[in-house]
Amino acid sequence: MAKGSGAATANSDTYGAGGAKSNALAQGSGTASGTAISKGTGAAQSNAASAGGSASSNALAAGGGGSMANAVANKGGEAAASSVALKGGDSKSSAMANGGGTAKSNSLAEGGGNSQSLAAAVGGGSAMSNSQAKDGGSSHSIASSQGRGNSLSNSVTKGGGGSRSDAMADEGDSVANAVADEENGGNTGLYSYYS
């Protein structure tokens, strides 16, 4: 649904017994695009909302997984969220941008893994968050920026371990990386740099 001079596009495709839902809302001069694709018994949901910005969300679920992507952009912000769930994985990705900020969030869950990613940018900054979980592990990643700050957060889990990374930036740059590998006992490795 579009209000004003904006554009909204929503697409959903289902292949098999799963379900796909896609919602897009644009207000003012905003643009919103949402795509959800379900294959097999997977369930996918995509939501995009924009008020004077650009929002894009993509969700894919295949092989029994659950996938959700949410993108919100306001006042010139750009937000993009991508979520992929494969082989029973559970994936959630959210991106929010406000006041000229740029936010990108990517989440991948495979083989029973649980992956969550969040990126938020306010006031011209940029935030990128990436999360990946495979083979039953859990992974959480958060990237947040304000003002002119830039943040990057990466979290990866393989096997039954768990990892979490948080990157927050105000005026400078912030980077956080966390890796958990079952071969190394599934322990979380966290490397953080805060501005």
C-alpha atoms as a PDB file:
ATOM      1  CA  MET A   1       0.000   0.000   0.000  1.00  0.00           C
ATOM      2  CA  ALA A   2       1.319   3.429  -0.941  1.00  0.00           C
ATOM      3  CA  LYS A   3       0.211   6.817   0.363  1.00  0.00           C
ATOM      4  CA  GLY A   4       1.372  10.000  -1.366  1.00  0.00           C
ATOM      5  CA  SER A   5       4.018   9.833  -4.092  1.00  0.00           C
ATOM      6  CA  GLY A   6       5.697   6.729  -2.669  1.00  0.00           C
ATOM      7  CA  ALA A   7       5.818   3.219  -4.135  1.00  0.00           C
ATOM      8  CA  ALA A   8       5.102  -0.098  -2.413  1.00  0.00           C
ATOM      9  CA  THR A   9       5.709  -3.582  -3.792  1.00  0.00           C
ATOM     10  CA  ALA A  10       4.946  -6.873  -2.069  1.00  0.00           C
ATOM     11  CA  ASN A  11       5.637 -10.331  -3.504  1.00  0.00           C
ATOM     12  CA  SER A  12       5.065 -13.763  -2.010  1.00  0.00           C
ATOM     13  CA  ASP A  13       5.583 -17.186  -3.551  1.00  0.00           C
ATOM     14  CA  THR A  14       4.914 -20.596  -2.037  1.00  0.00           C
ATOM     15  CA  TYR A  15       6.241 -23.861  -3.408  1.00  0.00           C
ATOM     16  CA  GLY A  16       4.999 -26.852  -1.442  1.00  0.00           C
ATOM     17  CA  ALA A  17       3.152 -27.046   1.876  1.00  0.00           C
ATOM     18  CA  GLY A  18       4.789 -24.009   3.479  1.00  0.00           C
ATOM     19  CA  GLY A  19       3.470 -20.439   3.587  1.00  0.00           C
ATOM     20  CA  ALA A  20       4.747 -17.038   2.495  1.00  0.00           C
ATOM     21  CA  LYS A  21       3.506 -13.588   3.520  1.00  0.00           C
ATOM     22  CA  SER A  22       4.741 -10.210   2.351  1.00  0.00           C
ATOM     23  CA  ASN A  23       3.694  -6.697   3.400  1.00  0.00           C
ATOM     24  CA  ALA A  24       4.868  -3.318   2.077  1.00  0.00           C
ATOM     25  CA  LEU A  25       3.805   0.168   3.185  1.00  0.00           C
ATOM     26  CA  ALA A  26       5.112   3.453   1.786  1.00  0.00           C
ATOM     27  CA  GLN A  27       4.158   6.956   2.913  1.00  0.00           C
ATOM     28  CA  GLY A  28       5.093  10.348   1.483  1.00  0.00           C
ATOM     29  CA  SER A  29       7.948   9.922  -0.980  1.00  0.00           C
ATOM     30  CA  GLY A  30       9.091   6.643   0.568  1.00  0.00           C
ATOM     31  CA  THR A  31       9.612   3.344  -1.245  1.00  0.00           C
ATOM     32  CA  ALA A  32       9.004  -0.076   0.268  1.00  0.00           C
ATOM     33  CA  SER A  33       9.616  -3.517  -1.183  1.00  0.00           C
ATOM     34  CA  GLY A  34       8.988  -6.890   0.439  1.00  0.00           C
ATOM     35  CA  THR A  35       9.574 -10.388  -0.926  1.00  0.00           C
ATOM     36  CA  ALA A  36       8.823 -13.697   0.770  1.00  0.00           C
ATOM     37  CA  ILE A  37       9.524 -17.122  -0.717  1.00  0.00           C
ATOM     38  CA  SER A  38       8.678 -20.466   0.839  1.00  0.00           C
ATOM     39  CA  LYS A  39       9.797 -23.855  -0.435  1.00  0.00           C
ATOM     40  CA  GLY A  40       8.796 -27.244   0.910  1.00  0.00           C
ATOM     41  CA  THR A  41       7.429 -26.863   4.432  1.00  0.00           C
ATOM     42  CA  GLY A  42       9.269 -23.622   5.130  1.00  0.00           C
ATOM     43  CA  ALA A  43       7.450 -20.494   6.356  1.00  0.00           C
ATOM     44  CA  ALA A  44       8.587 -17.021   5.257  1.00  0.00           C
ATOM     45  CA  GLN A  45       7.379 -13.529   6.170  1.00  0.00           C
ATOM     46  CA  SER A  46       8.628 -10.200   4.878  1.00  0.00           C
ATOM     47  CA  ASN A  47       7.649  -6.711   6.094  1.00  0.00           C
ATOM     48  CA  ALA A  48       8.816  -3.361   4.711  1.00  0.00           C
ATOM     49  CA  ALA A  49       7.662   0.109   5.781  1.00  0.00           C
ATOM     50  CA  SER A  50       8.929   3.507   4.684  1.00  0.00           C
ATOM     51  CA  ALA A  51       8.048   7.136   5.385  1.00  0.00           C
ATOM     52  CA  GLY A  52      10.304   9.273   3.213  1.00  0.00           C
ATOM     53  CA  GLY A  53      13.018   6.636   3.025  1.00  0.00           C
ATOM     54  CA  SER A  54      13.799   3.360   1.254  1.00  0.00           C
ATOM     55  CA  ALA A  55      13.004  -0.018   2.823  1.00  0.00           C
ATOM     56  CA  SER A  56      13.636  -3.467   1.376  1.00  0.00           C
ATOM     57  CA  SER A  57      13.083  -6.858   2.997  1.00  0.00           C
ATOM     58  CA  ASN A  58      13.612 -10.364   1.665  1.00  0.00           C
ATOM     59  CA  ALA A  59      12.778 -13.637   3.389  1.00  0.00           C
ATOM     60  CA  LEU A  60      13.441 -17.170   2.146  1.00  0.00           C
ATOM     61  CA  ALA A  61      12.537 -20.399   3.908  1.00  0.00           C
ATOM     62  CA  ALA A  62      13.225 -23.857   2.517  1.00  0.00           C
ATOM     63  CA  GLY A  63      13.121 -27.350   3.929  1.00  0.00           C
ATOM     64  CA  GLY A  64      11.050 -26.753   7.053  1.00  0.00           C
ATOM     65  CA  GLY A  65      12.733 -23.557   8.203  1.00  0.00           C
ATOM     66  CA  GLY A  66      11.176 -20.342   9.483  1.00  0.00           C
ATOM     67  CA  SER A  67      12.331 -16.980   8.118  1.00  0.00           C
ATOM     68  CA  MET A  68      11.312 -13.379   8.902  1.00  0.00           C
ATOM     69  CA  ALA A  69      12.700 -10.092   7.539  1.00  0.00           C
ATOM     70  CA  ASN A  70      11.683  -6.599   8.683  1.00  0.00           C
ATOM     71  CA  ALA A  71      12.854  -3.265   7.255  1.00  0.00           C
ATOM     72  CA  VAL A  72      11.807   0.229   8.387  1.00  0.00           C
ATOM     73  CA  ALA A  73      13.103   3.492   6.892  1.00  0.00           C
ATOM     74  CA  ASN A  74      12.165   7.070   7.783  1.00  0.00           C
ATOM     75  CA  LYS A  75      13.248  10.605   6.791  1.00  0.00           C
ATOM     76  CA  GLY A  76      15.682   9.667   4.051  1.00  0.00           C
ATOM     77  CA  GLY A  77      17.006   6.520   5.696  1.00  0.00           C
ATOM     78  CA  GLU A  78      17.845   3.339   3.782  1.00  0.00           C
ATOM     79  CA  ALA A  79      17.079  -0.029   5.355  1.00  0.00           C
ATOM     80  CA  ALA A  80      17.597  -3.503   3.905  1.00  0.00           C
ATOM     81  CA  ALA A  81      16.950  -6.805   5.664  1.00  0.00           C
ATOM     82  CA  SER A  82      17.604 -10.305   4.359  1.00  0.00           C
ATOM     83  CA  SER A  83      16.690 -13.545   6.121  1.00  0.00           C
ATOM     84  CA  VAL A  84      17.351 -17.100   4.932  1.00  0.00           C
ATOM     85  CA  ALA A  85      16.336 -20.313   6.704  1.00  0.00           C
ATOM     86  CA  LEU A  86      17.330 -23.722   5.350  1.00  0.00           C
ATOM     87  CA  LYS A  87      16.776 -27.302   6.504  1.00  0.00           C
ATOM     88  CA  GLY A  88      14.851 -26.507   9.671  1.00  0.00           C
ATOM     89  CA  GLY A  89      16.714 -23.350  10.622  1.00  0.00           C
ATOM     90  CA  ASP A  90      15.082 -20.335  12.300  1.00  0.00           C
ATOM     91  CA  SER A  91      16.198 -16.945  10.977  1.00  0.00           C
ATOM     92  CA  LYS A  92      15.171 -13.365  11.812  1.00  0.00           C
ATOM     93  CA  SER A  93      16.595 -10.165  10.365  1.00  0.00           C
ATOM     94  CA  SER A  94      15.630  -6.551  11.120  1.00  0.00           C
ATOM     95  CA  ALA A  95      16.936  -3.239   9.777  1.00  0.00           C
ATOM     96  CA  MET A  96      15.914   0.273  10.838  1.00  0.00           C
ATOM     97  CA  ALA A  97      17.204   3.563   9.383  1.00  0.00           C
ATOM     98  CA  ASN A  98      16.180   7.080  10.303  1.00  0.00           C
ATOM     99  CA  GLY A  99      17.321  10.571   9.288  1.00  0.00           C
ATOM    100  CA  GLY A 100      19.619   9.647   6.415  1.00  0.00           C
ATOM    101  CA  GLY A 101      21.138   6.587   8.080  1.00  0.00           C
ATOM    102  CA  THR A 102      21.879   3.329   6.260  1.00  0.00           C
ATOM    103  CA  ALA A 103      21.136  -0.030   7.899  1.00  0.00           C
ATOM    104  CA  LYS A 104      21.733  -3.495   6.465  1.00  0.00           C
ATOM    105  CA  SER A 105      20.954  -6.737   8.251  1.00  0.00           C
ATOM    106  CA  ASN A 106      21.616 -10.300   7.061  1.00  0.00           C
ATOM    107  CA  SER A 107      20.701 -13.527   8.818  1.00  0.00           C
ATOM    108  CA  LEU A 108      21.253 -17.160   7.795  1.00  0.00           C
ATOM    109  CA  ALA A 109      20.158 -20.257   9.686  1.00  0.00           C
ATOM    110  CA  GLU A 110      20.751 -23.779   8.435  1.00  0.00           C
ATOM    111  CA  GLY A 111      20.292 -27.300   9.763  1.00  0.00           C
ATOM    112  CA  GLY A 112      18.332 -26.412  12.902  1.00  0.00           C
ATOM    113  CA  GLY A 113      20.376 -23.326  13.718  1.00  0.00           C
ATOM    114  CA  ASN A 114      18.905 -20.178  15.243  1.00  0.00           C
ATOM    115  CA  SER A 115      20.113 -16.862  13.823  1.00  0.00           C
ATOM    116  CA  GLN A 116      19.082 -13.291  14.673  1.00  0.00           C
ATOM    117  CA  SER A 117      20.453 -10.072  13.227  1.00  0.00           C
ATOM    118  CA  LEU A 118      19.599  -6.415  13.934  1.00  0.00           C
ATOM    119  CA  ALA A 119      20.949  -3.226  12.355  1.00  0.00           C
ATOM    120  CA  ALA A 120      19.881   0.282  13.381  1.00  0.00           C
ATOM    121  CA  ALA A 121      21.213   3.591  12.009  1.00  0.00           C
ATOM    122  CA  VAL A 122      20.092   7.051  13.082  1.00  0.00           C
ATOM    123  CA  GLY A 123      21.189  10.475  11.846  1.00  0.00           C
ATOM    124  CA  GLY A 124      23.411   9.745   8.870  1.00  0.00           C
ATOM    125  CA  GLY A 125      25.409   6.844  10.286  1.00  0.00           C
ATOM    126  CA  SER A 126      25.702   3.347   8.843  1.00  0.00           C
ATOM    127  CA  ALA A 127      25.157  -0.022  10.486  1.00  0.00           C
ATOM    128  CA  MET A 128      25.700  -3.513   9.121  1.00  0.00           C
ATOM    129  CA  SER A 129      24.858  -6.681  11.018  1.00  0.00           C
ATOM    130  CA  ASN A 130      25.515 -10.255   9.884  1.00  0.00           C
ATOM    131  CA  SER A 131      24.526 -13.436  11.692  1.00  0.00           C
ATOM    132  CA  GLN A 132      25.000 -17.062  10.677  1.00  0.00           C
ATOM    133  CA  ALA A 133      24.137 -20.280  12.507  1.00  0.00           C
ATOM    134  CA  LYS A 134      24.578 -23.834  11.247  1.00  0.00           C
ATOM    135  CA  ASP A 135      23.869 -27.312  12.550  1.00  0.00           C
ATOM    136  CA  GLY A 136      21.940 -26.492  15.699  1.00  0.00           C
ATOM    137  CA  GLY A 137      23.954 -23.516  16.917  1.00  0.00           C
ATOM    138  CA  SER A 138      22.630 -20.079  17.880  1.00  0.00           C
ATOM    139  CA  SER A 139      23.969 -16.742  16.688  1.00  0.00           C
ATOM    140  CA  HIS A 140      23.012 -13.152  17.552  1.00  0.00           C
ATOM    141  CA  SER A 141      24.371  -9.966  16.012  1.00  0.00           C
ATOM    142  CA  ILE A 142      23.548  -6.297  16.704  1.00  0.00           C
ATOM    143  CA  ALA A 143      24.954  -3.215  14.953  1.00  0.00           C
ATOM    144  CA  SER A 144      23.901   0.271  16.022  1.00  0.00           C
ATOM    145  CA  SER A 145      25.089   3.704  14.915  1.00  0.00           C
ATOM    146  CA  GLN A 146      24.138   7.289  15.689  1.00  0.00           C
ATOM    147  CA  GLY A 147      25.302  10.578  14.234  1.00  0.00           C
ATOM    148  CA  ARG A 148      28.145   9.969  11.814  1.00  0.00           C
ATOM    149  CA  GLY A 149      29.174   6.684  13.379  1.00  0.00           C
ATOM    150  CA  ASN A 150      29.707   3.446  11.447  1.00  0.00           C
ATOM    151  CA  SER A 151      29.234   0.026  12.989  1.00  0.00           C
ATOM    152  CA  LEU A 152      29.839  -3.527  11.788  1.00  0.00           C
ATOM    153  CA  SER A 153      28.853  -6.674  13.683  1.00  0.00           C
ATOM    154  CA  ASN A 154      29.486 -10.288  12.634  1.00  0.00           C
ATOM    155  CA  SER A 155      28.430 -13.398  14.530  1.00  0.00           C
ATOM    156  CA  VAL A 156      28.986 -16.968  13.335  1.00  0.00           C
ATOM    157  CA  THR A 157      28.191 -20.293  14.994  1.00  0.00           C
ATOM    158  CA  LYS A 158      28.922 -23.768  13.672  1.00  0.00           C
ATOM    159  CA  GLY A 159      27.688 -26.839  15.493  1.00  0.00           C
ATOM    160  CA  GLY A 160      26.010 -26.686  18.884  1.00  0.00           C
ATOM    161  CA  GLY A 161      27.756 -23.566  20.139  1.00  0.00           C
ATOM    162  CA  GLY A 162      26.451 -20.049  20.674  1.00  0.00           C
ATOM    163  CA  SER A 163      27.858 -16.657  19.704  1.00  0.00           C
ATOM    164  CA  ARG A 164      26.859 -13.015  20.134  1.00  0.00           C
ATOM    165  CA  SER A 165      28.397  -9.791  18.892  1.00  0.00           C
ATOM    166  CA  ASP A 166      27.377  -6.165  19.501  1.00  0.00           C
ATOM    167  CA  ALA A 167      28.831  -3.120  17.749  1.00  0.00           C
ATOM    168  CA  MET A 168      27.778   0.406  18.722  1.00  0.00           C
ATOM    169  CA  ALA A 169      29.108   3.631  17.244  1.00  0.00           C
ATOM    170  CA  ASP A 170      28.436   7.307  17.969  1.00  0.00           C
ATOM    171  CA  GLU A 171      30.860   9.406  15.926  1.00  0.00           C
ATOM    172  CA  GLY A 172      33.616   6.942  15.109  1.00  0.00           C
ATOM    173  CA  ASP A 173      33.805   3.349  13.882  1.00  0.00           C
ATOM    174  CA  SER A 174      32.867   0.210  15.790  1.00  0.00           C
ATOM    175  CA  VAL A 175      33.549  -3.419  14.884  1.00  0.00           C
ATOM    176  CA  ALA A 176      32.556  -6.596  16.725  1.00  0.00           C
ATOM    177  CA  ASN A 177      33.176 -10.201  15.672  1.00  0.00           C
ATOM    178  CA  ALA A 178      32.111 -13.359  17.487  1.00  0.00           C
ATOM    179  CA  VAL A 179      32.808 -16.909  16.314  1.00  0.00           C
ATOM    180  CA  ALA A 180      31.812 -20.150  17.998  1.00  0.00           C
ATOM    181  CA  ASP A 181      32.905 -23.469  16.537  1.00  0.00           C
ATOM    182  CA  GLU A 182      31.940 -26.852  17.915  1.00  0.00           C
ATOM    183  CA  GLU A 183      35.400 -28.131  17.052  1.00  0.00           C
ATOM    184  CA  ASN A 184      36.740 -25.674  19.642  1.00  0.00           C
ATOM    185  CA  GLY A 185      34.253 -26.665  22.322  1.00  0.00           C
ATOM    186  CA  GLY A 186      31.476 -24.424  21.040  1.00  0.00           C
ATOM    187  CA  ASN A 187      32.794 -21.467  23.021  1.00  0.00           C
ATOM    188  CA  THR A 188      31.998 -17.929  22.033  1.00  0.00           C
ATOM    189  CA  GLY A 189      34.833 -15.791  20.739  1.00  0.00           C
ATOM    190  CA  LEU A 190      34.132 -12.059  21.035  1.00  0.00           C
ATOM    191  CA  TYR A 191      36.229  -9.227  19.674  1.00  0.00           C
ATOM    192  CA  SER A 192      34.718  -5.796  20.163  1.00  0.00           C
ATOM    193  CA  TYR A 193      35.799  -2.270  19.367  1.00  0.00           C
ATOM    194  CA  TYR A 194      33.593   0.585  20.504  1.00  0.00           C
ATOM    195  CA  SER A 195      33.879   4.193  19.507  1.00  0.00           C
END
